């Protein structure tokens, strides 16, 4: 019901735009609607651009769609560019993803626990308090499901103030994100960014028929709306091992991984620690911002190794050198609003990093990710039609909201997707 006004529908590369049922409320109708559209429009390839809540539903449909289309175009094109439902479920859960990586012998896996109730959190807290003197390890309590409200809380365990812990558990319950057997949370080892000179990164990759065909790495941030491809050897090594050990020839999909990298105090070597996996396409792929790079990415997604004509090592497509960093205009504009004004209006775009460039410097040195002179309508409608109408809807429904995401055109709401 929210996506009918998507700014993307006005793009000159969109031939048909239709809406389907909401998978959160009626997954069977969602599946039927997608299949009906595939038949109606004689669809050859299914490439889902999933919201977090629909990733597994899209993977399930992808398997059914691939079976329906199998053999229609021979072996040249994979009918569905998404993981199997089984693999998607594993990757979409931070805890099972950690277990999967550890089982497959991947390095740098942070210790993880799964908790299914407030009582389990309190019991684990007592256990961690007992071990704290010997281990000195801190942990982060975080939601296994996508949680736009609490994803940046970074609440630490063990917590000596039990009442403080109980109050936090009460808060997440009141916000509609209670820890239950159906909606468990994760307790994961914490890497202190300041103390260990650590840096967080995000890696977007394309797996095609079990092989790594595209990879881009950028520094991570809270809202992840600024992209600049960087070379990070420890992340790239880990991604290549991940692709080699964890996929079969039948696996294809676009994936995003979050890492924290720090120096091993014993060996002195920089190591990459995977934090989570998002088994869906990521807006980070926008770093392939030139028409030539977009063509190569499209060819890699459709034909895999046949597109390795770009000179990339081992046929893995990476962004071209010296590309301009990407930003989203409205997001940077609101970040430039003084903190006091933001606080008064209830906005959450600050405080601004004193080391970051000014709004004017960004406009002069970087590239707007959404704006294209040959296809300007998505940029205009996303910022001046899609988001204003969503804000009005939120206002009249009295739903609590936190901020606007100007990348995908979304109002981040309490209990939203």
Protein backbone atom coordinates (compact mmCIF):
# COMPACT_ATOMS: atom_id res chain seq x y z
CA UNK A 1 0.00 0.00 0.00
CA UNK A 2 3.02 2.32 0.35
CA UNK A 3 4.86 1.54 -2.86
CA UNK A 4 2.32 2.76 -5.44
CA UNK A 5 3.87 6.25 -5.21
CA UNK A 6 7.47 5.12 -5.68
CA UNK A 7 9.57 7.72 -7.49
CA UNK A 8 11.14 4.94 -9.55
CA UNK A 9 7.88 4.35 -11.43
CA UNK A 10 8.45 7.61 -13.31
CA UNK A 11 11.81 6.53 -14.73
CA UNK A 12 12.10 6.39 -18.52
CA UNK A 13 13.56 2.87 -18.23
CA UNK A 14 10.43 1.51 -16.49
CA UNK A 15 7.99 0.09 -19.04
CA UNK A 16 5.34 -1.16 -16.60
CA UNK A 17 4.73 -0.44 -12.91
CA UNK A 18 2.31 -2.55 -10.87
CA UNK A 19 1.75 -3.21 -7.17
CA UNK A 20 1.24 -6.53 -5.39
CA UNK A 21 -0.06 -7.73 -2.02
CA UNK A 22 1.96 -7.08 1.13
CA UNK A 23 4.01 -10.20 2.08
CA UNK A 24 3.88 -9.22 5.77
CA UNK A 25 0.10 -9.56 5.87
CA UNK A 26 -0.61 -12.08 3.11
CA UNK A 27 2.48 -13.96 1.82
CA UNK A 28 0.39 -16.38 -0.25
CA UNK A 29 -1.33 -13.53 -2.11
CA UNK A 30 2.09 -11.90 -2.64
CA UNK A 31 3.35 -15.11 -4.27
CA UNK A 32 0.24 -15.41 -6.45
CA UNK A 33 0.46 -11.77 -7.53
CA UNK A 34 4.09 -12.10 -8.57
CA UNK A 35 3.40 -15.26 -10.53
CA UNK A 36 0.43 -13.64 -12.27
CA UNK A 37 2.60 -10.68 -13.30
CA UNK A 38 5.35 -13.01 -14.54
CA UNK A 39 2.84 -14.74 -16.79
CA UNK A 40 1.06 -11.53 -17.83
CA UNK A 41 4.27 -9.80 -18.94
CA UNK A 42 6.11 -12.91 -20.15
CA UNK A 43 8.99 -12.26 -17.72
CA UNK A 44 12.36 -13.86 -18.50
CA UNK A 45 14.40 -12.93 -15.40
CA UNK A 46 13.37 -12.17 -11.79
CA UNK A 47 15.72 -9.76 -9.97
CA UNK A 48 14.17 -8.84 -6.60
CA UNK A 49 14.92 -5.47 -5.02
CA UNK A 50 13.72 -6.55 -1.60
CA UNK A 51 12.76 -4.75 1.55
CA UNK A 52 14.27 -6.61 4.53
CA UNK A 53 10.90 -8.14 5.42
CA UNK A 54 10.37 -9.61 1.94
CA UNK A 55 13.80 -11.18 1.25
CA UNK A 56 12.78 -14.73 2.19
CA UNK A 57 9.41 -14.43 0.41
CA UNK A 58 11.23 -13.28 -2.74
CA UNK A 59 13.67 -16.20 -2.48
CA UNK A 60 10.76 -18.62 -2.18
CA UNK A 61 9.10 -17.11 -5.24
CA UNK A 62 12.42 -17.13 -7.10
CA UNK A 63 12.62 -20.91 -6.78
CA UNK A 64 9.06 -21.33 -8.10
CA UNK A 65 9.70 -18.87 -10.93
CA UNK A 66 12.97 -20.58 -11.93
CA UNK A 67 11.19 -23.93 -12.04
CA UNK A 68 8.46 -22.47 -14.24
CA UNK A 69 10.94 -20.88 -16.67
CA UNK A 70 13.57 -23.61 -16.61
CA UNK A 71 14.90 -24.37 -20.07
CA UNK A 72 13.04 -21.53 -21.78
CA UNK A 73 16.24 -19.68 -22.65
CA UNK A 74 18.75 -22.48 -22.27
CA UNK A 75 21.59 -22.18 -19.77
CA UNK A 76 22.74 -18.66 -20.74
CA UNK A 77 20.53 -16.74 -18.31
CA UNK A 78 19.67 -17.67 -14.71
CA UNK A 79 15.86 -17.14 -14.39
CA UNK A 80 16.01 -15.84 -10.79
CA UNK A 81 18.87 -13.76 -9.42
CA UNK A 82 18.25 -14.62 -5.77
CA UNK A 83 19.41 -17.22 -3.28
CA UNK A 84 17.46 -20.35 -2.42
CA UNK A 85 14.87 -19.95 0.34
CA UNK A 86 16.96 -22.16 2.65
CA UNK A 87 20.17 -20.16 2.17
CA UNK A 88 18.32 -16.86 2.36
CA UNK A 89 16.81 -17.80 5.74
CA UNK A 90 20.26 -18.73 7.08
CA UNK A 91 21.87 -15.51 5.90
CA UNK A 92 18.97 -13.29 6.96
CA UNK A 93 19.41 -14.36 10.60
CA UNK A 94 22.54 -12.85 12.17
CA UNK A 95 23.01 -15.78 14.56
CA UNK A 96 22.51 -18.62 12.05
CA UNK A 97 24.75 -16.71 9.61
CA UNK A 98 27.53 -16.70 12.24
CA UNK A 99 27.03 -20.43 12.85
CA UNK A 100 27.03 -21.13 9.10
CA UNK A 101 30.31 -19.26 8.60
CA UNK A 102 31.94 -21.00 11.55
CA UNK A 103 30.81 -24.41 10.27
CA UNK A 104 32.35 -23.63 6.87
CA UNK A 105 35.71 -22.75 8.43
CA UNK A 106 35.66 -19.00 7.80
CA UNK A 107 37.90 -16.86 10.03
CA UNK A 108 37.05 -13.94 12.30
CA UNK A 109 33.61 -15.08 13.45
CA UNK A 110 32.54 -13.20 16.58
CA UNK A 111 31.04 -15.19 19.46
CA UNK A 112 27.24 -15.17 19.29
CA UNK A 113 24.25 -16.21 21.42
CA UNK A 114 20.57 -16.39 20.51
CA UNK A 115 18.05 -15.24 23.15
CA UNK A 116 14.31 -15.90 22.91
CA UNK A 117 12.87 -14.12 25.94
CA UNK A 118 13.63 -11.46 28.53
CA UNK A 119 14.31 -14.26 31.01
CA UNK A 120 17.00 -15.71 28.71
CA UNK A 121 18.61 -12.28 28.40
CA UNK A 122 18.70 -11.86 32.18
CA UNK A 123 20.10 -15.38 32.66
CA UNK A 124 22.78 -14.84 30.00
CA UNK A 125 23.65 -11.50 31.59
CA UNK A 126 24.33 -13.26 34.90
CA UNK A 127 26.50 -15.82 33.10
CA UNK A 128 28.47 -13.11 31.31
CA UNK A 129 28.91 -11.16 34.56
CA UNK A 130 30.52 -14.23 36.11
CA UNK A 131 32.89 -14.60 33.15
CA UNK A 132 33.66 -10.89 32.77
CA UNK A 133 36.69 -10.86 35.07
CA UNK A 134 38.34 -13.73 33.26
CA UNK A 135 37.38 -12.79 29.69
CA UNK A 136 36.87 -9.02 29.83
CA UNK A 137 34.58 -9.36 26.80
CA UNK A 138 31.63 -7.06 26.15
CA UNK A 139 28.64 -8.04 24.01
CA UNK A 140 25.95 -6.19 22.05
CA UNK A 141 22.26 -7.05 22.34
CA UNK A 142 20.55 -6.55 18.97
CA UNK A 143 17.44 -7.58 17.10
CA UNK A 144 17.84 -10.46 14.63
CA UNK A 145 15.11 -8.93 12.45
CA UNK A 146 15.63 -5.64 10.61
CA UNK A 147 14.90 -3.01 13.26
CA UNK A 148 15.16 0.63 12.11
CA UNK A 149 14.47 1.86 15.64
CA UNK A 150 16.92 -0.09 17.82
CA UNK A 151 19.62 -0.98 15.28
CA UNK A 152 21.87 1.80 16.60
CA UNK A 153 21.25 1.32 20.34
CA UNK A 154 24.35 -0.86 20.86
CA UNK A 155 23.13 -1.88 24.33
CA UNK A 156 26.00 -3.72 26.03
CA UNK A 157 26.09 -6.87 28.13
CA UNK A 158 27.04 -7.83 30.75
CA UNK A 159 25.12 -5.07 32.49
CA UNK A 160 25.82 -4.73 36.21
CA UNK A 161 22.73 -2.58 36.72
CA UNK A 162 20.00 -5.20 36.32
CA UNK A 163 17.25 -2.60 36.65
CA UNK A 164 18.77 -0.70 33.72
CA UNK A 165 18.68 -3.92 31.68
CA UNK A 166 15.07 -4.58 32.70
CA UNK A 167 14.15 -1.02 31.70
CA UNK A 168 15.72 -1.47 28.26
CA UNK A 169 13.90 -4.76 27.74
CA UNK A 170 10.68 -3.01 28.75
CA UNK A 171 11.38 -0.23 26.24
CA UNK A 172 11.90 -2.58 23.27
CA UNK A 173 8.70 -4.40 24.24
CA UNK A 174 6.80 -1.11 24.38
CA UNK A 175 8.22 -0.20 20.96
CA UNK A 176 6.74 -3.39 19.50
CA UNK A 177 10.02 -5.35 19.27
CA UNK A 178 9.69 -7.72 22.23
CA UNK A 179 12.17 -10.60 22.48
CA UNK A 180 10.17 -13.79 21.88
CA UNK A 181 10.66 -17.32 20.56
CA UNK A 182 9.15 -16.14 17.27
CA UNK A 183 11.22 -12.92 17.17
CA UNK A 184 14.53 -13.73 18.94
CA UNK A 185 17.46 -11.35 19.42
CA UNK A 186 21.22 -11.86 19.25
CA UNK A 187 23.99 -11.22 21.75
CA UNK A 188 27.23 -10.78 19.80
CA UNK A 189 30.81 -10.07 20.91
CA UNK A 190 31.53 -6.33 20.85
CA UNK A 191 34.56 -4.82 19.12
CA UNK A 192 35.40 -1.43 20.62
CA UNK A 193 35.96 0.82 17.60
CA UNK A 194 37.92 3.49 19.51
CA UNK A 195 40.02 1.22 21.71
CA UNK A 196 40.98 -1.18 18.90
CA UNK A 197 41.33 1.37 16.06
CA UNK A 198 38.56 -0.51 14.28
CA UNK A 199 36.66 0.53 11.18
CA UNK A 200 33.33 -0.75 9.87
CA UNK A 201 32.85 -1.58 6.20
CA UNK A 202 30.07 -2.74 3.95
CA UNK A 203 30.68 -5.10 1.02
CA UNK A 204 28.15 -5.64 -1.77
CA UNK A 205 28.72 -8.66 -3.98
CA UNK A 206 27.22 -10.65 -6.82
CA UNK A 207 27.32 -14.43 -6.73
CA UNK A 208 26.57 -15.96 -10.11
CA UNK A 209 26.33 -19.74 -10.44
CA UNK A 210 28.40 -20.16 -7.29
CA UNK A 211 31.18 -17.75 -8.30
CA UNK A 212 32.03 -14.23 -7.17
CA UNK A 213 31.39 -11.89 -10.11
CA UNK A 214 31.16 -8.43 -8.52
CA UNK A 215 32.45 -6.81 -5.34
CA UNK A 216 32.54 -3.29 -3.97
CA UNK A 217 33.59 -2.18 -0.49
CA UNK A 218 32.88 1.14 1.24
CA UNK A 219 33.17 2.56 4.73
CA UNK A 220 30.04 1.89 6.72
CA UNK A 221 27.90 4.49 8.49
CA UNK A 222 24.77 4.57 10.60
CA UNK A 223 22.38 5.47 7.77
CA UNK A 224 24.57 4.15 4.94
CA UNK A 225 23.74 6.93 2.47
CA UNK A 226 27.26 7.87 1.37
CA UNK A 227 29.23 5.59 -0.92
CA UNK A 228 32.85 5.64 -1.98
CA UNK A 229 34.54 2.44 -3.16
CA UNK A 230 37.73 1.63 -1.21
CA UNK A 231 40.34 -1.13 -1.33
CA UNK A 232 40.35 -3.13 1.94
CA UNK A 233 42.52 -6.28 1.55
CA UNK A 234 41.26 -8.06 4.68
CA UNK A 235 37.61 -7.65 3.62
CA UNK A 236 38.34 -8.69 0.03
CA UNK A 237 40.19 -11.83 1.21
CA UNK A 238 37.30 -12.78 3.48
CA UNK A 239 34.71 -12.25 0.73
CA UNK A 240 36.66 -14.44 -1.70
CA UNK A 241 36.89 -17.22 0.91
CA UNK A 242 33.18 -16.84 1.63
CA UNK A 243 32.32 -17.17 -2.07
CA UNK A 244 34.61 -20.18 -2.49
CA UNK A 245 33.43 -22.14 0.55
CA UNK A 246 29.76 -21.31 0.91
CA UNK A 247 28.13 -21.51 -2.52
CA UNK A 248 27.37 -24.23 -5.04
CA UNK A 249 27.02 -23.92 -8.81
CA UNK A 250 23.26 -23.52 -8.40
CA UNK A 251 23.54 -20.41 -6.18
CA UNK A 252 23.10 -16.90 -7.56
CA UNK A 253 22.21 -13.64 -5.84
CA UNK A 254 23.11 -10.12 -4.78
CA UNK A 255 24.30 -9.92 -1.18
CA UNK A 256 25.57 -7.30 1.26
CA UNK A 257 27.92 -8.04 4.18
CA UNK A 258 28.80 -5.80 7.13
CA UNK A 259 32.28 -6.06 8.66
CA UNK A 260 34.30 -4.59 11.45
CA UNK A 261 38.08 -4.66 10.89
CA UNK A 262 40.72 -4.33 13.56
CA UNK A 263 44.29 -5.35 14.32
CA UNK A 264 44.86 -8.69 16.06
CA UNK A 265 46.72 -7.81 19.27
CA UNK A 266 48.78 -11.03 19.12
CA UNK A 267 49.73 -11.23 15.44
CA UNK A 268 49.55 -7.55 14.56
CA UNK A 269 47.60 -8.44 11.40
CA UNK A 270 44.44 -6.63 10.35
CA UNK A 271 41.46 -8.98 10.42
CA UNK A 272 37.90 -8.75 9.09
CA UNK A 273 35.05 -9.82 11.38
CA UNK A 274 31.66 -10.29 9.66
CA UNK A 275 28.80 -8.76 11.65
CA UNK A 276 25.82 -9.72 9.52
CA UNK A 277 24.62 -10.59 6.03
CA UNK A 278 21.76 -8.97 4.13
CA UNK A 279 20.73 -11.42 1.36
CA UNK A 280 19.40 -8.79 -1.04
CA UNK A 281 20.55 -6.09 -3.41
CA UNK A 282 22.05 -3.04 -1.65
CA UNK A 283 21.98 0.60 -2.71
CA UNK A 284 25.76 0.44 -2.44
CA UNK A 285 25.65 -0.95 -5.99
CA UNK A 286 25.03 2.65 -7.07
CA UNK A 287 28.83 3.09 -7.05
CA UNK A 288 28.66 1.58 -10.53
CA UNK A 289 27.50 5.03 -11.54
CA UNK A 290 28.65 5.37 -15.15
CA UNK A 291 26.65 3.91 -18.03
CA UNK A 292 29.61 1.72 -18.97
CA UNK A 293 29.90 0.29 -15.44
CA UNK A 294 26.14 -0.25 -15.23
CA UNK A 295 26.24 -2.15 -18.52
CA UNK A 296 29.03 -4.39 -17.20
CA UNK A 297 27.16 -4.98 -13.95
CA UNK A 298 24.02 -5.91 -15.87
CA UNK A 299 25.98 -8.30 -18.07
CA UNK A 300 27.63 -9.90 -15.03
CA UNK A 301 24.23 -10.33 -13.34
CA UNK A 302 22.70 -11.94 -16.43
CA UNK A 303 25.60 -13.88 -17.91
CA UNK A 304 28.21 -14.12 -15.13
CA UNK A 305 31.65 -14.97 -16.51
CA UNK A 306 30.73 -13.91 -20.03
CA UNK A 307 30.92 -10.29 -18.90
CA UNK A 308 34.49 -10.46 -17.61
CA UNK A 309 35.80 -8.20 -20.36
CA UNK A 310 36.53 -5.28 -18.06
CA UNK A 311 40.05 -6.31 -17.11
CA UNK A 312 39.15 -7.07 -13.48
CA UNK A 313 41.29 -9.70 -11.82
CA UNK A 314 39.76 -13.18 -11.99
CA UNK A 315 36.65 -11.84 -13.73
CA UNK A 316 35.39 -10.03 -10.60
CA UNK A 317 33.83 -6.68 -11.53
CA UNK A 318 34.84 -3.74 -9.31
CA UNK A 319 34.05 -0.01 -9.68
CA UNK A 320 36.33 2.00 -11.93
CA UNK A 321 39.17 3.92 -10.29
CA UNK A 322 38.79 7.60 -9.40
CA UNK A 323 35.00 7.56 -9.36
CA UNK A 324 33.35 10.41 -7.48
CA UNK A 325 31.89 9.57 -4.04
CA UNK A 326 28.09 9.42 -4.01
CA UNK A 327 25.63 11.29 -1.78
CA UNK A 328 21.88 11.91 -1.56
CA UNK A 329 21.02 15.60 -1.79
CA UNK A 330 18.08 15.80 0.63
CA UNK A 331 19.93 13.72 3.22
CA UNK A 332 22.98 16.02 3.15
CA UNK A 333 20.75 19.09 3.24
CA UNK A 334 19.04 17.92 6.43
CA UNK A 335 22.37 16.92 7.99
CA UNK A 336 23.43 20.55 7.49
CA UNK A 337 20.54 21.75 9.68
CA UNK A 338 21.94 22.87 13.10
CA UNK A 339 21.64 20.23 15.82
CA UNK A 340 19.43 22.46 18.01
CA UNK A 341 16.92 22.90 15.16
CA UNK A 342 17.00 19.17 14.42
CA UNK A 343 16.25 18.41 18.05
CA UNK A 344 13.36 20.86 18.10
CA UNK A 345 11.82 19.37 14.96
CA UNK A 346 12.42 15.79 16.08
CA UNK A 347 14.84 15.09 13.21
CA UNK A 348 17.65 12.54 13.59
CA UNK A 349 20.37 13.42 11.12
CA UNK A 350 23.06 14.76 13.51
CA UNK A 351 25.31 15.36 15.21
CA UNK A 352 27.48 16.08 12.19
CA UNK A 353 30.97 14.58 12.14
CA UNK A 354 33.38 17.53 12.54
CA UNK A 355 35.80 15.79 10.15
CA UNK A 356 33.24 15.51 7.33
CA UNK A 357 33.03 17.97 4.47
CA UNK A 358 30.57 20.85 4.42
CA UNK A 359 27.36 20.73 2.39
CA UNK A 360 28.88 23.05 -0.22
CA UNK A 361 32.06 20.96 -0.50
CA UNK A 362 29.97 17.82 -1.01
CA UNK A 363 27.97 19.50 -3.78
CA UNK A 364 31.17 20.56 -5.55
CA UNK A 365 33.27 17.41 -5.12
CA UNK A 366 30.83 14.50 -5.08
CA UNK A 367 28.05 13.08 -7.25
CA UNK A 368 24.33 12.92 -6.45
CA UNK A 369 23.46 9.22 -6.48
CA UNK A 370 19.87 9.54 -7.69
CA UNK A 371 19.99 12.43 -10.15
CA UNK A 372 20.52 11.79 -13.86
CA UNK A 373 20.07 14.53 -16.45
CA UNK A 374 18.81 11.93 -18.94
CA UNK A 375 16.32 10.49 -16.41
CA UNK A 376 15.53 13.22 -13.83
CA UNK A 377 12.00 12.27 -12.78
CA UNK A 378 12.85 9.58 -10.17
CA UNK A 379 14.97 12.10 -8.25
CA UNK A 380 12.28 14.77 -8.38
CA UNK A 381 9.35 12.51 -7.52
CA UNK A 382 11.18 10.62 -4.76
CA UNK A 383 12.01 13.83 -2.89
CA UNK A 384 8.97 15.99 -3.74
CA UNK A 385 6.15 13.47 -4.16
CA UNK A 386 6.91 10.09 -2.61
CA UNK A 387 8.28 11.19 0.76
CA UNK A 388 5.88 14.13 1.35
CA UNK A 389 2.89 11.83 0.78
CA UNK A 390 4.36 9.15 3.05
CA UNK A 391 4.93 11.78 5.75
CA UNK A 392 1.31 12.92 5.43
CA UNK A 393 0.14 9.32 5.75
CA UNK A 394 2.28 8.87 8.86
CA UNK A 395 0.94 12.14 10.31
CA UNK A 396 -2.72 11.21 9.85
CA UNK A 397 -2.20 7.67 11.16
CA UNK A 398 -0.35 8.97 14.25
CA UNK A 399 2.40 6.38 13.76
CA UNK A 400 5.69 7.24 15.47
CA UNK A 401 8.52 7.93 13.03
CA UNK A 402 12.23 8.70 13.32
CA UNK A 403 13.57 10.01 10.02
CA UNK A 404 13.30 9.91 6.22
CA UNK A 405 15.46 7.65 4.09
CA UNK A 406 16.06 9.60 0.88
CA UNK A 407 17.80 6.70 -0.83
CA UNK A 408 14.81 4.37 -1.19
CA UNK A 409 12.13 6.92 -0.33
CA UNK A 410 10.94 5.66 3.04
CA UNK A 411 9.73 7.06 6.33
CA UNK A 412 11.43 5.07 9.09
CA UNK A 413 8.61 4.18 11.49
CA UNK A 414 8.44 2.32 14.78
CA UNK A 415 7.53 -1.27 13.86
CA UNK A 416 8.09 -0.59 10.16
CA UNK A 417 9.88 -2.73 7.58
